[in-house]
PDB file of N, CA and C in Angstrom:
ATOM      1  N   MET A   1    -105.540 123.216  92.896  1.00  0.00           N
ATOM      2  CA  MET A   1    -105.437 123.478  94.592  1.00  0.00           C
ATOM      3  C   MET A   1    -103.948 124.449  95.006  1.00  0.00           C
ATOM      4  N   ARG A   2    -103.069 124.498  94.265  1.00  0.00           N
ATOM      5  CA  ARG A   2    -101.953 124.838  95.039  1.00  0.00           C
ATOM      6  C   ARG A   2    -102.710 126.801  95.060  1.00  0.00           C
ATOM      7  N   ILE A   3    -102.754 127.052  94.289  1.00  0.00           N
ATOM      8  CA  ILE A   3    -103.729 128.105  94.084  1.00  0.00           C
ATOM      9  C   ILE A   3    -104.482 128.231  94.463  1.00  0.00           C
ATOM     10  N   SER A   4    -105.779 127.458  95.250  1.00  0.00           N
ATOM     11  CA  SER A   4    -106.807 127.949  96.103  1.00  0.00           C
ATOM     12  C   SER A   4    -106.261 127.799  97.167  1.00  0.00           C
ATOM     13  N   ALA A   5    -105.031 127.406  97.753  1.00  0.00           N
ATOM     14  CA  ALA A   5    -104.287 126.951  98.827  1.00  0.00           C
ATOM     15  C   ALA A   5    -104.143 128.594  99.084  1.00  0.00           C
ATOM     16  N   ALA A   6    -103.460 129.356  97.986  1.00  0.00           N
ATOM     17  CA  ALA A   6    -102.345 130.278  98.213  1.00  0.00           C
ATOM     18  C   ALA A   6    -103.586 131.026  98.460  1.00  0.00           C
ATOM     19  N   ARG A   7    -105.123 131.413  97.678  1.00  0.00           N
ATOM     20  CA  ARG A   7    -105.412 132.415  98.151  1.00  0.00           C
ATOM     21  C   ARG A   7    -106.217 131.970  99.640  1.00  0.00           C
ATOM     22  N   VAL A   8    -106.457 130.855 100.438  1.00  0.00           N
ATOM     23  CA  VAL A   8    -106.624 130.816 101.651  1.00  0.00           C
ATOM     24  C   VAL A   8    -105.842 131.321 102.444  1.00  0.00           C
ATOM     25  N   GLU A   9    -104.972 130.929 102.001  1.00  0.00           N
ATOM     26  CA  GLU A   9    -103.849 131.802 103.285  1.00  0.00           C
ATOM     27  C   GLU A   9    -103.723 132.663 102.781  1.00  0.00           C
ATOM     28  N   SER A  10    -103.477 133.631 101.963  1.00  0.00           N
ATOM     29  CA  SER A  10    -103.730 134.918 101.985  1.00  0.00           C
ATOM     30  C   SER A  10    -104.862 136.065 102.654  1.00  0.00           C
ATOM     31  N   ALA A  11    -106.293 135.322 102.249  1.00  0.00           N
ATOM     32  CA  ALA A  11    -107.557 135.489 102.918  1.00  0.00           C
ATOM     33  C   ALA A  11    -107.747 135.520 104.425  1.00  0.00           C
ATOM     34  N   LEU A  12    -107.400 134.561 104.710  1.00  0.00           N
ATOM     35  CA  LEU A  12    -106.993 134.632 106.193  1.00  0.00           C
ATOM     36  C   LEU A  12    -106.061 135.355 106.698  1.00  0.00           C
ATOM     37  N   LEU A  13    -104.602 135.596 106.298  1.00  0.00           N
ATOM     38  CA  LEU A  13    -104.525 136.841 106.459  1.00  0.00           C
ATOM     39  C   LEU A  13    -104.430 138.067 106.535  1.00  0.00           C
ATOM     40  N   ALA A  14    -105.280 138.375 105.746  1.00  0.00           N
ATOM     41  CA  ALA A  14    -106.439 139.607 105.431  1.00  0.00           C
ATOM     42  C   ALA A  14    -107.541 139.686 106.696  1.00  0.00           C
ATOM     43  N   VAL A  15    -108.005 138.889 106.794  1.00  0.00           N
ATOM     44  CA  VAL A  15    -109.133 138.499 107.958  1.00  0.00           C
ATOM     45  C   VAL A  15    -108.309 138.898 109.417  1.00  0.00           C
ATOM     46  N   ALA A  16    -106.953 138.151 109.743  1.00  0.00           N
ATOM     47  CA  ALA A  16    -106.175 138.120 110.596  1.00  0.00           C
ATOM     48  C   ALA A  16    -105.906 140.008 111.034  1.00  0.00           C
ATOM     49  N   LYS A  17    -105.303 140.516 109.793  1.00  0.00           N
ATOM     50  CA  LYS A  17    -104.798 141.809 110.206  1.00  0.00           C
ATOM     51  C   LYS A  17    -106.331 142.901 110.115  1.00  0.00           C
ATOM     52  N   LEU A  18    -107.304 142.255 109.813  1.00  0.00           N
ATOM     53  CA  LEU A  18    -108.254 143.212 109.950  1.00  0.00           C
ATOM     54  C   LEU A  18    -109.176 143.250 111.972  1.00  0.00           C
ATOM     55  N   ALA A  19    -109.003 142.048 111.677  1.00  0.00           N
ATOM     56  CA  ALA A  19    -109.320 141.267 113.123  1.00  0.00           C
ATOM     57  C   ALA A  19    -108.075 142.505 114.364  1.00  0.00           C
ATOM     58  N   GLY A  20    -106.968 143.159 114.002  1.00  0.00           N
ATOM     59  CA  GLY A  20    -106.008 143.226 114.526  1.00  0.00           C
ATOM     60  C   GLY A  20    -105.124 142.255 115.125  1.00  0.00           C
ATOM     61  N   ARG A  21    -104.311 141.519 114.472  1.00  0.00           N
ATOM     62  CA  ARG A  21    -103.807 140.313 115.443  1.00  0.00           C
ATOM     63  C   ARG A  21    -102.330 140.687 114.440  1.00  0.00           C
ATOM     64  N   THR A  22    -101.220 140.401 115.454  1.00  0.00           N
ATOM     65  CA  THR A  22    -100.098 141.228 114.657  1.00  0.00           C
ATOM     66  C   THR A  22     -99.351 139.595 113.821  1.00  0.00           C
ATOM     67  N   SER A  23     -99.796 138.119 114.916  1.00  0.00           N
ATOM     68  CA  SER A  23     -99.025 137.152 114.304  1.00  0.00           C
ATOM     69  C   SER A  23    -100.308 136.224 113.760  1.00  0.00           C
ATOM     70  N   GLY A  24     -99.785 135.288 112.700  1.00  0.00           N
ATOM     71  CA  GLY A  24    -100.866 134.389 112.029  1.00  0.00           C
ATOM     72  C   GLY A  24    -101.276 133.334 113.375  1.00  0.00           C
ATOM     73  N   GLY A  25    -102.215 133.129 113.882  1.00  0.00           N
ATOM     74  CA  GLY A  25    -103.170 132.090 114.183  1.00  0.00           C
ATOM     75  C   GLY A  25    -103.064 130.874 114.206  1.00  0.00           C
ATOM     76  N   ARG A  26    -103.620 129.681 114.680  1.00  0.00           N
ATOM     77  CA  ARG A  26    -103.370 128.049 113.762  1.00  0.00           C
ATOM     78  C   ARG A  26    -104.132 128.250 112.440  1.00  0.00           C
ATOM     79  N   ALA A  27    -105.192 128.776 112.174  1.00  0.00           N
ATOM     80  CA  ALA A  27    -105.991 128.557 110.684  1.00  0.00           C
ATOM     81  C   ALA A  27    -104.943 128.938 109.670  1.00  0.00           C
ATOM     82  N   GLU A  28    -104.170 130.684 110.647  1.00  0.00           N
ATOM     83  CA  GLU A  28    -103.246 131.135 109.390  1.00  0.00           C
ATOM     84  C   GLU A  28    -101.910 129.877 108.943  1.00  0.00           C
ATOM     85  N   ARG A  29    -101.673 129.903 110.421  1.00  0.00           N
ATOM     86  CA  ARG A  29    -100.607 128.593 110.000  1.00  0.00           C
ATOM     87  C   ARG A  29    -100.999 127.542 109.352  1.00  0.00           C
ATOM     88  N   LEU A  30    -101.830 126.974 109.759  1.00  0.00           N
ATOM     89  CA  LEU A  30    -102.252 125.398 109.068  1.00  0.00           C
ATOM     90  C   LEU A  30    -102.534 126.001 107.224  1.00  0.00           C
ATOM     91  N   ALA A  31    -103.031 127.081 107.052  1.00  0.00           N
ATOM     92  CA  ALA A  31    -103.236 127.509 105.631  1.00  0.00           C
ATOM     93  C   ALA A  31    -101.582 127.558 105.093  1.00  0.00           C
ATOM     94  N   GLY A  32    -100.875 128.406 105.931  1.00  0.00           N
ATOM     95  CA  GLY A  32     -99.427 128.751 105.052  1.00  0.00           C
ATOM     96  C   GLY A  32     -98.679 127.381 104.787  1.00  0.00           C
ATOM     97  N   ARG A  33     -99.063 126.220 106.266  1.00  0.00           N
ATOM     98  CA  ARG A  33     -98.333 125.271 105.859  1.00  0.00           C
ATOM     99  C   ARG A  33     -98.765 124.252 104.720  1.00  0.00           C
ATOM    100  N   LEU A  34    -100.244 123.906 104.322  1.00  0.00           N
ATOM    101  CA  LEU A  34    -100.521 123.232 103.359  1.00  0.00           C
ATOM    102  C   LEU A  34    -100.520 124.176 101.942  1.00  0.00           C
ATOM    103  N   HIS A  35    -100.225 125.302 101.990  1.00  0.00           N
ATOM    104  CA  HIS A  35    -100.141 125.939 100.820  1.00  0.00           C
ATOM    105  C   HIS A  35     -98.114 125.394 100.749  1.00  0.00           C
ATOM    106  N   ALA A  36     -97.628 125.735 101.598  1.00  0.00           N
ATOM    107  CA  ALA A  36     -96.142 125.007 101.173  1.00  0.00           C
ATOM    108  C   ALA A  36     -96.040 123.946 101.062  1.00  0.00           C
ATOM    109  N   SER A  37     -96.964 122.628 101.243  1.00  0.00           N
ATOM    110  CA  SER A  37     -96.698 121.854 100.960  1.00  0.00           C
ATOM    111  C   SER A  37     -97.373 121.351  99.641  1.00  0.00           C
ATOM    112  N   LEU A  38     -98.048 121.677  99.128  1.00  0.00           N
ATOM    113  CA  LEU A  38     -98.323 122.001  97.536  1.00  0.00           C
ATOM    114  C   LEU A  38     -97.925 122.400  97.092  1.00  0.00           C
ATOM    115  N   ASP A  39     -97.192 123.386  97.177  1.00  0.00           N
ATOM    116  CA  ASP A  39     -95.709 124.693  96.457  1.00  0.00           C
ATOM    117  C   ASP A  39     -94.900 123.066  96.200  1.00  0.00           C
ATOM    118  N   TYR A  40     -93.930 123.118  96.855  1.00  0.00           N
ATOM    119  CA  TYR A  40     -93.163 121.919  97.225  1.00  0.00           C
ATOM    120  C   TYR A  40     -93.176 120.239  97.013  1.00  0.00           C
ATOM    121  N   GLY A  41     -94.691 120.112  96.821  1.00  0.00           N
ATOM    122  CA  GLY A  41     -94.685 118.724  96.518  1.00  0.00           C
ATOM    123  C   GLY A  41     -94.283 118.047  94.532  1.00  0.00           C
ATOM    124  N   GLN A  42     -93.938 117.025  94.368  1.00  0.00           N
ATOM    125  CA  GLN A  42     -93.297 116.486  94.005  1.00  0.00           C
ATOM    126  C   GLN A  42     -94.473 115.787  93.190  1.00  0.00           C
ATOM    127  N   VAL A  43     -95.065 116.042  91.792  1.00  0.00           N
ATOM    128  CA  VAL A  43     -96.187 115.352  91.447  1.00  0.00           C
ATOM    129  C   VAL A  43     -95.654 113.643  91.127  1.00  0.00           C
ATOM    130  N   ASP A  44     -94.411 113.951  90.564  1.00  0.00           N
ATOM    131  CA  ASP A  44     -93.690 112.346  90.390  1.00  0.00           C
ATOM    132  C   ASP A  44     -94.152 111.419  91.874  1.00  0.00           C
ATOM    133  N   GLU A  45     -94.014 111.848  93.322  1.00  0.00           N
ATOM    134  CA  GLU A  45     -94.329 111.708  94.487  1.00  0.00           C
ATOM    135  C   GLU A  45     -95.274 111.063  94.795  1.00  0.00           C
ATOM    136  N   ILE A  46     -96.134 111.800  94.366  1.00  0.00           N
ATOM    137  CA  ILE A  46     -97.409 111.338  94.758  1.00  0.00           C
ATOM    138  C   ILE A  46     -97.885 110.410  93.745  1.00  0.00           C
ATOM    139  N   LEU A  47     -97.822 110.679  92.723  1.00  0.00           N
ATOM    140  CA  LEU A  47     -98.311 109.462  91.931  1.00  0.00           C
ATOM    141  C   LEU A  47     -97.844 108.098  91.754  1.00  0.00           C
ATOM    142  N   ASN A  48     -96.298 107.954  92.460  1.00  0.00           N
ATOM    143  CA  ASN A  48     -95.606 106.649  92.851  1.00  0.00           C
ATOM    144  C   ASN A  48     -96.125 106.013  94.174  1.00  0.00           C
ATOM    145  N   GLU A  49     -96.647 107.006  94.958  1.00  0.00           N
ATOM    146  CA  GLU A  49     -97.934 106.869  96.290  1.00  0.00           C
ATOM    147  C   GLU A  49     -99.309 106.566  95.464  1.00  0.00           C
ATOM    148  N   ASP A  50     -99.701 106.915  96.866  1.00  0.00           N
ATOM    149  CA  ASP A  50    -101.710 106.825  96.602  1.00  0.00           C
ATOM    150  C   ASP A  50    -102.374 108.084  96.543  1.00  0.00           C
ATOM    151  N   PRO A  51    -102.024 108.433  95.104  1.00  0.00           N
ATOM    152  CA  PRO A  51    -103.022 109.888  95.039  1.00  0.00           C
ATOM    153  C   PRO A  51    -104.249 110.161  95.841  1.00  0.00           C
ATOM    154  N   HIS A  52    -105.037 108.879  96.036  1.00  0.00           N
ATOM    155  CA  HIS A  52    -106.618 108.901  96.700  1.00  0.00           C
ATOM    156  C   HIS A  52    -106.442 109.559  97.846  1.00  0.00           C
ATOM    157  N   ALA A  53    -104.961 108.613  98.796  1.00  0.00           N
ATOM    158  CA  ALA A  53    -104.492 109.093 100.439  1.00  0.00           C
ATOM    159  C   ALA A  53    -104.559 110.345 100.086  1.00  0.00           C
ATOM    160  N   TYR A  54    -103.333 110.491  99.452  1.00  0.00           N
ATOM    161  CA  TYR A  54    -103.085 111.746  98.931  1.00  0.00           C
ATOM    162  C   TYR A  54    -104.051 113.619  99.275  1.00  0.00           C
ATOM    163  N   LEU A  55    -105.078 112.530  98.225  1.00  0.00           N
ATOM    164  CA  LEU A  55    -106.329 113.673  98.481  1.00  0.00           C
ATOM    165  C   LEU A  55    -107.088 113.958  99.578  1.00  0.00           C
ATOM    166  N   GLU A  56    -107.118 112.608 100.151  1.00  0.00           N
ATOM    167  CA  GLU A  56    -107.863 112.959 101.585  1.00  0.00           C
ATOM    168  C   GLU A  56    -107.160 113.284 103.139  1.00  0.00           C
ATOM    169  N   ALA A  57    -105.469 113.507 102.305  1.00  0.00           N
ATOM    170  CA  ALA A  57    -105.148 114.072 103.397  1.00  0.00           C
ATOM    171  C   ALA A  57    -105.222 115.736 103.128  1.00  0.00           C
ATOM    172  N   VAL A  58    -105.269 116.021 102.164  1.00  0.00           N
ATOM    173  CA  VAL A  58    -105.069 117.445 101.431  1.00  0.00           C
ATOM    174  C   VAL A  58    -107.189 118.116 102.422  1.00  0.00           C
ATOM    175  N   GLY A  59    -107.456 117.108 102.078  1.00  0.00           N
ATOM    176  CA  GLY A  59    -109.174 117.337 102.580  1.00  0.00           C
ATOM    177  C   GLY A  59    -108.844 117.394 103.863  1.00  0.00           C
ATOM    178  N   ARG A  60    -108.294 116.116 104.729  1.00  0.00           N
ATOM    179  CA  ARG A  60    -108.180 116.523 106.147  1.00  0.00           C
ATOM    180  C   ARG A  60    -107.642 118.146 106.668  1.00  0.00           C
ATOM    181  N   TYR A  61    -106.551 118.085 106.186  1.00  0.00           N
ATOM    182  CA  TYR A  61    -106.221 119.409 106.083  1.00  0.00           C
ATOM    183  C   TYR A  61    -107.501 120.991 106.115  1.00  0.00           C
ATOM    184  N   CYS A  62    -108.042 120.717 104.944  1.00  0.00           N
ATOM    185  CA  CYS A  62    -108.855 121.926 105.137  1.00  0.00           C
ATOM    186  C   CYS A  62    -109.721 121.705 105.591  1.00  0.00           C
ATOM    187  N   ALA A  63    -110.336 120.251 106.423  1.00  0.00           N
ATOM    188  CA  ALA A  63    -111.197 120.384 107.889  1.00  0.00           C
ATOM    189  C   ALA A  63    -110.253 121.295 108.834  1.00  0.00           C
ATOM    190  N   GLN A  64    -109.261 121.002 109.315  1.00  0.00           N
ATOM    191  CA  GLN A  64    -108.854 121.455 110.086  1.00  0.00           C
ATOM    192  C   GLN A  64    -108.604 123.153 110.050  1.00  0.00           C
ATOM    193  N   ILE A  65    -108.157 123.620 109.038  1.00  0.00           N
ATOM    194  CA  ILE A  65    -108.435 124.799 108.373  1.00  0.00           C
ATOM    195  C   ILE A  65    -109.397 125.545 108.860  1.00  0.00           C
ATOM    196  N   HIS A  66    -110.443 125.150 108.312  1.00  0.00           N
ATOM    197  CA  HIS A  66    -111.664 125.301 108.608  1.00  0.00           C
ATOM    198  C   HIS A  66    -112.328 125.392 109.821  1.00  0.00           C
ATOM    199  N   ALA A  67    -112.323 124.769 110.576  1.00  0.00           N
ATOM    200  CA  ALA A  67    -112.120 124.325 112.551  1.00  0.00           C
ATOM    201  C   ALA A  67    -111.419 125.578 112.966  1.00  0.00           C
ATOM    202  N   ALA A  68    -110.447 125.795 112.386  1.00  0.00           N
ATOM    203  CA  ALA A  68    -109.062 126.705 113.342  1.00  0.00           C
ATOM    204  C   ALA A  68    -109.773 128.107 112.887  1.00  0.00           C
ATOM    205  N   ALA A  69    -110.335 128.587 111.327  1.00  0.00           N
ATOM    206  CA  ALA A  69    -111.021 129.824 111.374  1.00  0.00           C
ATOM    207  C   ALA A  69    -112.249 129.874 112.093  1.00  0.00           C
ATOM    208  N   TYR A  70    -113.147 129.286 112.270  1.00  0.00           N
ATOM    209  CA  TYR A  70    -114.503 129.159 112.995  1.00  0.00           C
ATOM    210  C   TYR A  70    -114.301 129.214 114.289  1.00  0.00           C
ATOM    211  N   GLN A  71    -113.310 128.410 114.692  1.00  0.00           N
ATOM    212  CA  GLN A  71    -113.302 128.226 116.268  1.00  0.00           C
ATOM    213  C   GLN A  71    -112.452 129.822 116.462  1.00  0.00           C
ATOM    214  N   SER A  72    -111.705 130.879 115.567  1.00  0.00           N
ATOM    215  CA  SER A  72    -111.191 132.314 115.831  1.00  0.00           C
ATOM    216  C   SER A  72    -112.038 133.092 115.161  1.00  0.00           C
ATOM    217  N   TYR A  73    -113.246 133.049 114.189  1.00  0.00           N
ATOM    218  CA  TYR A  73    -113.163 134.443 113.654  1.00  0.00           C
ATOM    219  C   TYR A  73    -115.407 133.896 114.096  1.00  0.00           C
ATOM    220  N   ILE A  74    -115.762 132.638 114.116  1.00  0.00           N
ATOM    221  CA  ILE A  74    -116.993 132.708 114.600  1.00  0.00           C
ATOM    222  C   ILE A  74    -117.627 132.259 115.946  1.00  0.00           C
ATOM    223  N   SER A  75    -117.391 131.388 116.042  1.00  0.00           N
ATOM    224  CA  SER A  75    -117.332 131.035 117.438  1.00  0.00           C
ATOM    225  C   SER A  75    -116.438 131.216 118.978  1.00  0.00           C
ATOM    226  N   TYR A  76    -116.421 132.356 119.045  1.00  0.00           N
ATOM    227  CA  TYR A  76    -114.721 132.536 119.576  1.00  0.00           C
ATOM    228  C   TYR A  76    -115.826 132.909 120.988  1.00  0.00           C
ATOM    229  N   PRO A  77    -115.520 132.758 122.531  1.00  0.00           N
ATOM    230  CA  PRO A  77    -115.913 133.763 123.371  1.00  0.00           C
ATOM    231  C   PRO A  77    -115.745 134.752 123.224  1.00  0.00           C
ATOM    232  N   ILE A  78    -117.228 135.494 123.610  1.00  0.00           N
ATOM    233  CA  ILE A  78    -117.566 137.204 124.260  1.00  0.00           C
ATOM    234  C   ILE A  78    -116.272 137.717 124.867  1.00  0.00           C
ATOM    235  N   GLU A  79    -116.239 137.113 125.988  1.00  0.00           N
ATOM    236  CA  GLU A  79    -115.114 137.749 126.432  1.00  0.00           C
ATOM    237  C   GLU A  79    -113.066 138.339 125.922  1.00  0.00           C
ATOM    238  N   SER A  80    -113.136 137.438 124.724  1.00  0.00           N
ATOM    239  CA  SER A  80    -111.575 137.844 124.018  1.00  0.00           C
ATOM    240  C   SER A  80    -112.228 138.995 122.810  1.00  0.00           C
ATOM    241  N   ALA A  81    -113.819 139.691 122.721  1.00  0.00           N
ATOM    242  CA  ALA A  81    -113.816 140.223 122.015  1.00  0.00           C
ATOM    243  C   ALA A  81    -113.637 141.740 122.452  1.00  0.00           C
ATOM    244  N   LEU A  82    -113.969 141.551 124.409  1.00  0.00           N
ATOM    245  CA  LEU A  82    -114.654 142.524 124.896  1.00  0.00           C
ATOM    246  C   LEU A  82    -113.369 143.081 125.501  1.00  0.00           C
ATOM    247  N   PRO A  83    -113.423 145.050 125.574  1.00  0.00           N
ATOM    248  CA  PRO A  83    -111.931 145.540 125.577  1.00  0.00           C
ATOM    249  C   PRO A  83    -111.541 145.345 127.264  1.00  0.00           C
ATOM    250  N   ALA A  84    -110.418 145.037 127.917  1.00  0.00           N
ATOM    251  CA  ALA A  84    -110.185 144.846 129.085  1.00  0.00           C
ATOM    252  C   ALA A  84    -110.336 145.532 129.963  1.00  0.00           C
TER     253      ALA A  84
END
Protein backbone atom coordinates (compact mmCIF):
# COMPACT_ATOMS: atom_id res chain seq x y z
CA MET A 1 0.00 0.00 0.00
CA ARG A 2 2.85 2.37 0.82
CA ILE A 3 4.37 2.01 -2.64
CA SER A 4 0.98 2.44 -4.31
CA ALA A 5 0.29 5.58 -2.28
CA ALA A 6 3.67 7.00 -3.32
CA ARG A 7 2.86 6.32 -6.97
CA VAL A 8 -0.57 7.93 -6.67
CA GLU A 9 0.99 11.00 -5.09
CA SER A 10 3.65 11.17 -7.80
CA ALA A 11 1.10 10.73 -10.59
CA LEU A 12 -1.19 13.43 -9.21
CA LEU A 13 1.74 15.84 -8.89
CA ALA A 14 2.69 15.12 -12.52
CA VAL A 15 -0.88 15.73 -13.69
CA ALA A 16 -1.01 18.98 -11.71
CA LYS A 17 2.23 20.10 -13.33
CA LEU A 18 0.89 19.26 -16.81
CA ALA A 19 -2.29 21.17 -15.99
CA GLY A 20 -0.17 24.22 -15.15
CA ARG A 21 -0.77 24.22 -11.42
CA THR A 22 2.15 25.48 -9.37
CA SER A 23 0.86 24.32 -6.00
CA GLY A 24 -0.75 21.05 -5.11
CA GLY A 25 -4.51 20.91 -5.04
CA ARG A 26 -6.72 18.99 -2.66
CA ALA A 27 -6.15 15.61 -4.36
CA GLU A 28 -2.39 16.04 -4.23
CA ARG A 29 -2.47 17.06 -0.56
CA LEU A 30 -4.68 14.12 0.39
CA ALA A 31 -2.42 11.71 -1.50
CA GLY A 32 0.61 13.18 0.25
CA ARG A 33 -1.01 12.74 3.66
CA LEU A 34 -1.93 9.13 2.91
CA HIS A 35 1.58 8.40 1.69
CA ALA A 36 3.10 9.99 4.79
CA SER A 37 0.78 8.14 7.16
CA LEU A 38 1.62 4.81 5.50
CA ASP A 39 5.32 5.66 5.36
CA TYR A 40 5.58 6.52 9.04
CA GLY A 41 2.92 4.23 10.50
CA GLN A 42 4.16 1.52 12.84
CA VAL A 43 3.06 -2.03 12.06
CA ASP A 44 2.84 -2.97 15.74
CA GLU A 45 0.52 -0.01 16.42
CA ILE A 46 -1.77 -1.08 13.57
CA LEU A 47 -1.82 -4.70 14.71
CA ASN A 48 -2.41 -3.77 18.36
CA GLU A 49 -5.46 -1.76 17.34
CA ASP A 50 -8.09 -2.95 14.86
CA PRO A 51 -6.46 -3.79 11.49
CA HIS A 52 -9.88 -3.99 9.82
CA ALA A 53 -10.75 -0.47 10.95
CA TYR A 54 -7.33 0.74 9.79
CA LEU A 55 -7.90 -0.70 6.30
CA GLU A 56 -11.38 0.81 6.17
CA ALA A 57 -9.89 4.21 7.04
CA VAL A 58 -7.33 3.84 4.24
CA GLY A 59 -10.18 2.95 1.88
CA ARG A 60 -12.12 6.06 2.90
CA TYR A 61 -9.00 8.16 2.34
CA CYS A 62 -8.62 6.65 -1.15
CA ALA A 63 -12.24 7.52 -1.89
CA GLN A 64 -11.57 11.14 -0.85
CA ILE A 65 -8.52 11.26 -3.14
CA HIS A 66 -10.60 9.88 -6.02
CA ALA A 67 -13.39 12.40 -5.45
CA ALA A 68 -10.93 15.30 -5.28
CA ALA A 69 -9.10 14.20 -8.44
CA TYR A 70 -12.40 13.72 -10.26
CA GLN A 71 -13.58 17.16 -9.23
CA SER A 72 -10.29 18.80 -10.22
CA TYR A 73 -9.61 17.10 -13.52
CA ILE A 74 -12.83 15.54 -14.84
CA SER A 75 -15.95 17.40 -13.74
CA TYR A 76 -14.61 20.93 -13.26
CA PRO A 77 -16.70 23.91 -14.50
CA ILE A 78 -15.85 24.89 -18.08
CA GLU A 79 -15.37 28.50 -17.00
CA SER A 80 -12.33 27.54 -14.96
CA ALA A 81 -10.62 26.15 -18.10
CA LEU A 82 -11.26 29.22 -20.27
CA PRO A 83 -8.71 32.05 -20.39
CA ALA A 84 -9.77 35.12 -18.45
